[in-house]
């Protein structure tokens, strides 16, 4: 009976060894796929909200402020002051519209590529803000006057005074883009990876 029992145990162990990794692979893969799908959905949802909010704000500003003096709000903290910007975010490097159109298009493509391997929700929010901000201004450059790919971006937020005298005039897309970049930097500094893992820093041992 002993040989039979030994053979049976060996066979059972062998079966367990062969089926164990397969089962583990399925169990490990399913949560990973769910995490990836959830992070990707959050990324594009955040981007869509930013893009829609930026488009609505620009439509309202163009309709209400064209030909008007700057509007003072929040006790002078903010002035709504419509300008057409041919440069980058915050009206920098005016006259280089086509360059920033190309840069924005590359950034959008890069973020969409990252979305295929994204697992982290905080990173999804950060990249969604960046994507939405980049798309908001890219739409202006593609479709607004003076022409295709060289359109001027609608900027309208001037802080502490009109005409951008204290700080460059910007828009909602610029603001969300900067918030997203700041969040991404914070995630990098705290060791959070886009795949959902986190770098564990070893404690410094006393001498």
C-alpha atoms as a PDB file:
ATOM      1  CA  UNK A   1       0.000   0.000   0.000  1.00  0.00           C
ATOM      2  CA  UNK A   2       2.879   2.343   0.708  1.00  0.00           C
ATOM      3  CA  UNK A   3       4.106   2.497  -2.900  1.00  0.00           C
ATOM      4  CA  UNK A   4       0.572   3.139  -4.107  1.00  0.00           C
ATOM      5  CA  UNK A   5       0.091   5.922  -1.560  1.00  0.00           C
ATOM      6  CA  UNK A   6       3.435   7.448  -2.438  1.00  0.00           C
ATOM      7  CA  UNK A   7       2.631   7.337  -6.120  1.00  0.00           C
ATOM      8  CA  UNK A   8      -0.755   8.889  -5.516  1.00  0.00           C
ATOM      9  CA  UNK A   9       0.699  11.684  -3.390  1.00  0.00           C
ATOM     10  CA  UNK A  10       3.331  12.318  -5.993  1.00  0.00           C
ATOM     11  CA  UNK A  11       0.745  12.483  -8.741  1.00  0.00           C
ATOM     12  CA  UNK A  12      -1.460  14.820  -6.740  1.00  0.00           C
ATOM     13  CA  UNK A  13       1.464  17.063  -5.944  1.00  0.00           C
ATOM     14  CA  UNK A  14       2.450  17.071  -9.592  1.00  0.00           C
ATOM     15  CA  UNK A  15      -1.059  17.988 -10.614  1.00  0.00           C
ATOM     16  CA  UNK A  16      -1.128  20.763  -8.056  1.00  0.00           C
ATOM     17  CA  UNK A  17       2.212  22.069  -9.239  1.00  0.00           C
ATOM     18  CA  UNK A  18       1.044  22.102 -12.845  1.00  0.00           C
ATOM     19  CA  UNK A  19      -2.331  23.702 -12.200  1.00  0.00           C
ATOM     20  CA  UNK A  20      -1.215  26.116  -9.454  1.00  0.00           C
ATOM     21  CA  UNK A  21       0.580  28.640 -11.673  1.00  0.00           C
ATOM     22  CA  UNK A  22      -2.247  28.612 -14.217  1.00  0.00           C
ATOM     23  CA  UNK A  23      -4.806  29.423 -11.558  1.00  0.00           C
ATOM     24  CA  UNK A  24      -2.536  32.058 -10.048  1.00  0.00           C
ATOM     25  CA  UNK A  25      -2.018  33.606 -13.466  1.00  0.00           C
ATOM     26  CA  UNK A  26      -5.751  33.948 -14.000  1.00  0.00           C
ATOM     27  CA  UNK A  27      -6.273  35.374 -10.523  1.00  0.00           C
ATOM     28  CA  UNK A  28      -3.378  37.808 -10.893  1.00  0.00           C
ATOM     29  CA  UNK A  29      -4.343  38.841 -14.404  1.00  0.00           C
ATOM     30  CA  UNK A  30      -7.989  39.660 -13.755  1.00  0.00           C
ATOM     31  CA  UNK A  31      -7.414  42.365 -11.087  1.00  0.00           C
ATOM     32  CA  UNK A  32      -4.635  43.810 -13.240  1.00  0.00           C
ATOM     33  CA  UNK A  33      -6.955  44.106 -16.220  1.00  0.00           C
ATOM     34  CA  UNK A  34      -9.656  45.665 -14.054  1.00  0.00           C
ATOM     35  CA  UNK A  35      -7.198  48.159 -12.599  1.00  0.00           C
ATOM     36  CA  UNK A  36      -5.991  49.060 -16.082  1.00  0.00           C
ATOM     37  CA  UNK A  37      -9.514  49.537 -17.415  1.00  0.00           C
ATOM     38  CA  UNK A  38     -10.529  51.643 -14.399  1.00  0.00           C
ATOM     39  CA  UNK A  39      -7.448  53.872 -14.609  1.00  0.00           C
ATOM     40  CA  UNK A  40      -7.911  54.365 -18.348  1.00  0.00           C
ATOM     41  CA  UNK A  41     -11.580  55.254 -17.863  1.00  0.00           C
ATOM     42  CA  UNK A  42     -10.705  57.789 -15.150  1.00  0.00           C
ATOM     43  CA  UNK A  43      -7.999  59.345 -17.342  1.00  0.00           C
ATOM     44  CA  UNK A  44     -10.317  59.930 -20.293  1.00  0.00           C
ATOM     45  CA  UNK A  45     -13.235  61.002 -18.096  1.00  0.00           C
ATOM     46  CA  UNK A  46     -11.102  63.678 -16.410  1.00  0.00           C
ATOM     47  CA  UNK A  47      -9.790  64.796 -19.811  1.00  0.00           C
ATOM     48  CA  UNK A  48     -13.336  65.007 -21.182  1.00  0.00           C
ATOM     49  CA  UNK A  49     -14.551  67.083 -18.231  1.00  0.00           C
ATOM     50  CA  UNK A  50     -11.626  69.507 -18.600  1.00  0.00           C
ATOM     51  CA  UNK A  51     -12.109  69.753 -22.355  1.00  0.00           C
ATOM     52  CA  UNK A  52     -15.853  70.361 -22.042  1.00  0.00           C
ATOM     53  CA  UNK A  53     -15.418  72.930 -19.266  1.00  0.00           C
ATOM     54  CA  UNK A  54     -12.758  74.764 -21.255  1.00  0.00           C
ATOM     55  CA  UNK A  55     -14.911  74.827 -24.395  1.00  0.00           C
ATOM     56  CA  UNK A  56     -17.963  76.159 -22.517  1.00  0.00           C
ATOM     57  CA  UNK A  57     -15.905  78.832 -20.758  1.00  0.00           C
ATOM     58  CA  UNK A  58     -14.315  80.000 -24.007  1.00  0.00           C
ATOM     59  CA  UNK A  59     -17.682  80.109 -25.779  1.00  0.00           C
ATOM     60  CA  UNK A  60     -19.154  82.233 -22.984  1.00  0.00           C
ATOM     61  CA  UNK A  61     -16.153  84.572 -22.870  1.00  0.00           C
ATOM     62  CA  UNK A  62     -16.077  85.135 -26.636  1.00  0.00           C
ATOM     63  CA  UNK A  63     -19.840  85.747 -26.713  1.00  0.00           C
ATOM     64  CA  UNK A  64     -19.904  88.115 -23.731  1.00  0.00           C
ATOM     65  CA  UNK A  65     -16.548  89.899 -23.691  1.00  0.00           C
ATOM     66  CA  UNK A  66     -15.754  90.590 -27.345  1.00  0.00           C
ATOM     67  CA  UNK A  67     -15.326  94.346 -27.696  1.00  0.00           C
ATOM     68  CA  UNK A  68     -15.848  94.982 -23.978  1.00  0.00           C
ATOM     69  CA  UNK A  69     -13.619  96.255 -21.206  1.00  0.00           C
ATOM     70  CA  UNK A  70     -12.222  93.724 -18.687  1.00  0.00           C
ATOM     71  CA  UNK A  71     -14.752  92.559 -16.095  1.00  0.00           C
ATOM     72  CA  UNK A  72     -13.666  92.755 -12.448  1.00  0.00           C
ATOM     73  CA  UNK A  73     -14.706  89.783 -10.274  1.00  0.00           C
ATOM     74  CA  UNK A  74     -13.913  88.488  -6.783  1.00  0.00           C
ATOM     75  CA  UNK A  75     -13.088  91.962  -5.562  1.00  0.00           C
ATOM     76  CA  UNK A  76     -10.330  92.452  -8.113  1.00  0.00           C
ATOM     77  CA  UNK A  77      -8.579  89.139  -7.512  1.00  0.00           C
ATOM     78  CA  UNK A  78      -9.549  88.105 -11.039  1.00  0.00           C
ATOM     79  CA  UNK A  79     -10.312  90.100 -14.179  1.00  0.00           C
ATOM     80  CA  UNK A  80     -11.999  88.520 -17.182  1.00  0.00           C
ATOM     81  CA  UNK A  81     -10.012  90.008 -20.035  1.00  0.00           C
ATOM     82  CA  UNK A  82     -10.348  88.484 -23.516  1.00  0.00           C
ATOM     83  CA  UNK A  83      -7.226  88.187 -25.659  1.00  0.00           C
ATOM     84  CA  UNK A  84      -6.173  85.984 -28.576  1.00  0.00           C
ATOM     85  CA  UNK A  85      -2.898  84.211 -27.857  1.00  0.00           C
ATOM     86  CA  UNK A  86      -0.658  82.991 -30.691  1.00  0.00           C
ATOM     87  CA  UNK A  87       1.940  81.570 -28.283  1.00  0.00           C
ATOM     88  CA  UNK A  88       2.158  78.877 -25.633  1.00  0.00           C
ATOM     89  CA  UNK A  89       0.468  78.637 -22.249  1.00  0.00           C
ATOM     90  CA  UNK A  90       0.240  81.938 -20.362  1.00  0.00           C
ATOM     91  CA  UNK A  91       0.823  83.889 -23.617  1.00  0.00           C
ATOM     92  CA  UNK A  92       4.512  82.929 -23.783  1.00  0.00           C
ATOM     93  CA  UNK A  93       6.493  82.905 -27.031  1.00  0.00           C
ATOM     94  CA  UNK A  94       3.833  84.551 -29.174  1.00  0.00           C
ATOM     95  CA  UNK A  95       4.074  84.001 -32.904  1.00  0.00           C
ATOM     96  CA  UNK A  96       5.202  80.343 -32.716  1.00  0.00           C
ATOM     97  CA  UNK A  97       1.727  78.851 -33.081  1.00  0.00           C
ATOM     98  CA  UNK A  98       2.603  75.951 -35.386  1.00  0.00           C
ATOM     99  CA  UNK A  99       5.392  74.794 -33.056  1.00  0.00           C
ATOM    100  CA  UNK A 100       3.044  74.544 -30.091  1.00  0.00           C
ATOM    101  CA  UNK A 101       0.411  72.830 -32.226  1.00  0.00           C
ATOM    102  CA  UNK A 102       2.972  70.123 -33.021  1.00  0.00           C
ATOM    103  CA  UNK A 103       4.136  69.864 -29.396  1.00  0.00           C
ATOM    104  CA  UNK A 104       0.534  69.568 -28.136  1.00  0.00           C
ATOM    105  CA  UNK A 105      -0.261  66.863 -30.695  1.00  0.00           C
ATOM    106  CA  UNK A 106       2.820  64.856 -29.656  1.00  0.00           C
ATOM    107  CA  UNK A 107       1.881  65.231 -25.966  1.00  0.00           C
ATOM    108  CA  UNK A 108      -1.651  63.990 -26.642  1.00  0.00           C
ATOM    109  CA  UNK A 109      -0.325  60.961 -28.526  1.00  0.00           C
ATOM    110  CA  UNK A 110       2.179  60.182 -25.745  1.00  0.00           C
ATOM    111  CA  UNK A 111      -0.498  60.284 -23.031  1.00  0.00           C
ATOM    112  CA  UNK A 112      -2.806  58.043 -25.070  1.00  0.00           C
ATOM    113  CA  UNK A 113       0.085  55.572 -25.396  1.00  0.00           C
ATOM    114  CA  UNK A 114       0.679  55.683 -21.636  1.00  0.00           C
ATOM    115  CA  UNK A 115      -3.013  54.935 -21.062  1.00  0.00           C
ATOM    116  CA  UNK A 116      -2.511  51.420 -22.448  1.00  0.00           C
ATOM    117  CA  UNK A 117      -0.279  50.466 -19.487  1.00  0.00           C
ATOM    118  CA  UNK A 118      -1.718  52.667 -16.764  1.00  0.00           C
ATOM    119  CA  UNK A 119      -2.754  51.088 -13.420  1.00  0.00           C
ATOM    120  CA  UNK A 120      -2.652  54.000 -10.953  1.00  0.00           C
ATOM    121  CA  UNK A 121      -5.715  56.175 -10.288  1.00  0.00           C
ATOM    122  CA  UNK A 122      -3.691  59.197  -9.047  1.00  0.00           C
ATOM    123  CA  UNK A 123      -1.631  59.025 -12.225  1.00  0.00           C
ATOM    124  CA  UNK A 124      -4.847  58.698 -14.228  1.00  0.00           C
ATOM    125  CA  UNK A 125      -6.115  61.969 -12.729  1.00  0.00           C
ATOM    126  CA  UNK A 126      -2.803  63.744 -13.360  1.00  0.00           C
ATOM    127  CA  UNK A 127      -2.546  62.577 -16.950  1.00  0.00           C
ATOM    128  CA  UNK A 128      -6.246  63.300 -17.515  1.00  0.00           C
ATOM    129  CA  UNK A 129      -5.742  66.919 -16.431  1.00  0.00           C
ATOM    130  CA  UNK A 130      -2.721  67.253 -18.704  1.00  0.00           C
ATOM    131  CA  UNK A 131      -4.536  65.619 -21.625  1.00  0.00           C
ATOM    132  CA  UNK A 132      -7.648  67.767 -21.187  1.00  0.00           C
ATOM    133  CA  UNK A 133      -5.586  70.954 -20.955  1.00  0.00           C
ATOM    134  CA  UNK A 134      -3.511  70.081 -24.011  1.00  0.00           C
ATOM    135  CA  UNK A 135      -6.608  69.188 -26.027  1.00  0.00           C
ATOM    136  CA  UNK A 136      -8.415  72.374 -24.989  1.00  0.00           C
ATOM    137  CA  UNK A 137      -5.736  74.607 -26.474  1.00  0.00           C
ATOM    138  CA  UNK A 138      -5.066  72.240 -29.387  1.00  0.00           C
ATOM    139  CA  UNK A 139      -8.699  72.580 -30.489  1.00  0.00           C
ATOM    140  CA  UNK A 140      -8.252  76.362 -30.601  1.00  0.00           C
ATOM    141  CA  UNK A 141      -5.084  76.077 -32.674  1.00  0.00           C
ATOM    142  CA  UNK A 142      -6.750  73.728 -35.140  1.00  0.00           C
ATOM    143  CA  UNK A 143     -10.125  75.406 -35.582  1.00  0.00           C
ATOM    144  CA  UNK A 144      -9.930  79.086 -34.617  1.00  0.00           C
ATOM    145  CA  UNK A 145      -8.822  82.082 -36.677  1.00  0.00           C
ATOM    146  CA  UNK A 146      -6.559  82.982 -38.368  1.00  0.00           C
ATOM    147  CA  UNK A 147      -6.398  79.467 -39.836  1.00  0.00           C
ATOM    148  CA  UNK A 148      -5.964  75.720 -39.615  1.00  0.00           C
ATOM    149  CA  UNK A 149      -3.149  74.682 -37.218  1.00  0.00           C
ATOM    150  CA  UNK A 150      -2.231  78.334 -36.548  1.00  0.00           C
ATOM    151  CA  UNK A 151      -5.352  79.429 -34.675  1.00  0.00           C
ATOM    152  CA  UNK A 152      -5.042  81.752 -31.717  1.00  0.00           C
ATOM    153  CA  UNK A 153      -5.954  80.418 -28.271  1.00  0.00           C
ATOM    154  CA  UNK A 154      -8.656  82.225 -26.292  1.00  0.00           C
ATOM    155  CA  UNK A 155      -7.230  83.462 -22.972  1.00  0.00           C
ATOM    156  CA  UNK A 156      -9.301  85.399 -20.468  1.00  0.00           C
ATOM    157  CA  UNK A 157      -8.123  85.066 -16.829  1.00  0.00           C
ATOM    158  CA  UNK A 158      -5.977  87.952 -15.587  1.00  0.00           C
ATOM    159  CA  UNK A 159      -4.940  87.909 -11.921  1.00  0.00           C
ATOM    160  CA  UNK A 160      -4.791  90.987  -9.662  1.00  0.00           C
ATOM    161  CA  UNK A 161      -5.379  93.406 -12.517  1.00  0.00           C
ATOM    162  CA  UNK A 162      -6.486  93.695 -16.169  1.00  0.00           C
ATOM    163  CA  UNK A 163      -4.276  93.326 -19.256  1.00  0.00           C
ATOM    164  CA  UNK A 164      -2.009  90.747 -17.605  1.00  0.00           C
ATOM    165  CA  UNK A 165      -0.033  93.491 -15.902  1.00  0.00           C
ATOM    166  CA  UNK A 166       0.799  91.341 -12.856  1.00  0.00           C
ATOM    167  CA  UNK A 167       0.655  87.822 -14.289  1.00  0.00           C
ATOM    168  CA  UNK A 168       0.245  86.395 -17.783  1.00  0.00           C
ATOM    169  CA  UNK A 169      -3.352  85.968 -18.957  1.00  0.00           C
ATOM    170  CA  UNK A 170      -4.398  82.324 -19.168  1.00  0.00           C
ATOM    171  CA  UNK A 171      -7.445  80.063 -19.505  1.00  0.00           C
ATOM    172  CA  UNK A 172      -8.966  77.010 -17.819  1.00  0.00           C
ATOM    173  CA  UNK A 173      -7.017  74.603 -20.036  1.00  0.00           C
ATOM    174  CA  UNK A 174      -3.716  76.243 -19.005  1.00  0.00           C
ATOM    175  CA  UNK A 175      -4.665  76.039 -15.323  1.00  0.00           C
ATOM    176  CA  UNK A 176      -5.635  72.347 -15.479  1.00  0.00           C
ATOM    177  CA  UNK A 177      -2.498  71.552 -17.473  1.00  0.00           C
ATOM    178  CA  UNK A 178      -0.330  73.093 -14.749  1.00  0.00           C
ATOM    179  CA  UNK A 179      -2.252  71.331 -11.975  1.00  0.00           C
ATOM    180  CA  UNK A 180      -1.788  68.016 -13.772  1.00  0.00           C
ATOM    181  CA  UNK A 181       1.951  68.582 -14.219  1.00  0.00           C
ATOM    182  CA  UNK A 182       2.289  69.556 -10.554  1.00  0.00           C
ATOM    183  CA  UNK A 183       0.435  66.417  -9.469  1.00  0.00           C
ATOM    184  CA  UNK A 184       2.615  64.251 -11.738  1.00  0.00           C
ATOM    185  CA  UNK A 185       5.763  65.738 -10.205  1.00  0.00           C
ATOM    186  CA  UNK A 186       4.396  65.077  -6.718  1.00  0.00           C
ATOM    187  CA  UNK A 187       3.642  61.452  -7.619  1.00  0.00           C
ATOM    188  CA  UNK A 188       7.161  61.003  -8.952  1.00  0.00           C
ATOM    189  CA  UNK A 189       8.696  62.509  -5.820  1.00  0.00           C
ATOM    190  CA  UNK A 190       6.646  60.225  -3.564  1.00  0.00           C
ATOM    191  CA  UNK A 191       7.644  57.118  -5.505  1.00  0.00           C
ATOM    192  CA  UNK A 192       4.265  56.323  -7.029  1.00  0.00           C
ATOM    193  CA  UNK A 193       4.545  54.528 -10.341  1.00  0.00           C
ATOM    194  CA  UNK A 194       2.105  54.522 -13.231  1.00  0.00           C
ATOM    195  CA  UNK A 195       1.679  50.744 -12.927  1.00  0.00           C
ATOM    196  CA  UNK A 196       0.148  51.173  -9.454  1.00  0.00           C
ATOM    197  CA  UNK A 197       3.206  50.132  -7.463  1.00  0.00           C
ATOM    198  CA  UNK A 198       5.177  52.330  -5.106  1.00  0.00           C
ATOM    199  CA  UNK A 199       8.903  52.543  -4.543  1.00  0.00           C
ATOM    200  CA  UNK A 200       9.700  51.549  -0.967  1.00  0.00           C
ATOM    201  CA  UNK A 201      12.509  53.654   0.412  1.00  0.00           C
ATOM    202  CA  UNK A 202      14.831  51.832   2.821  1.00  0.00           C
ATOM    203  CA  UNK A 203      15.161  53.472   6.232  1.00  0.00           C
ATOM    204  CA  UNK A 204      18.538  54.958   6.965  1.00  0.00           C
ATOM    205  CA  UNK A 205      20.358  52.768   9.491  1.00  0.00           C
ATOM    206  CA  UNK A 206      21.985  54.411  12.463  1.00  0.00           C
ATOM    207  CA  UNK A 207      25.766  54.324  12.407  1.00  0.00           C
END
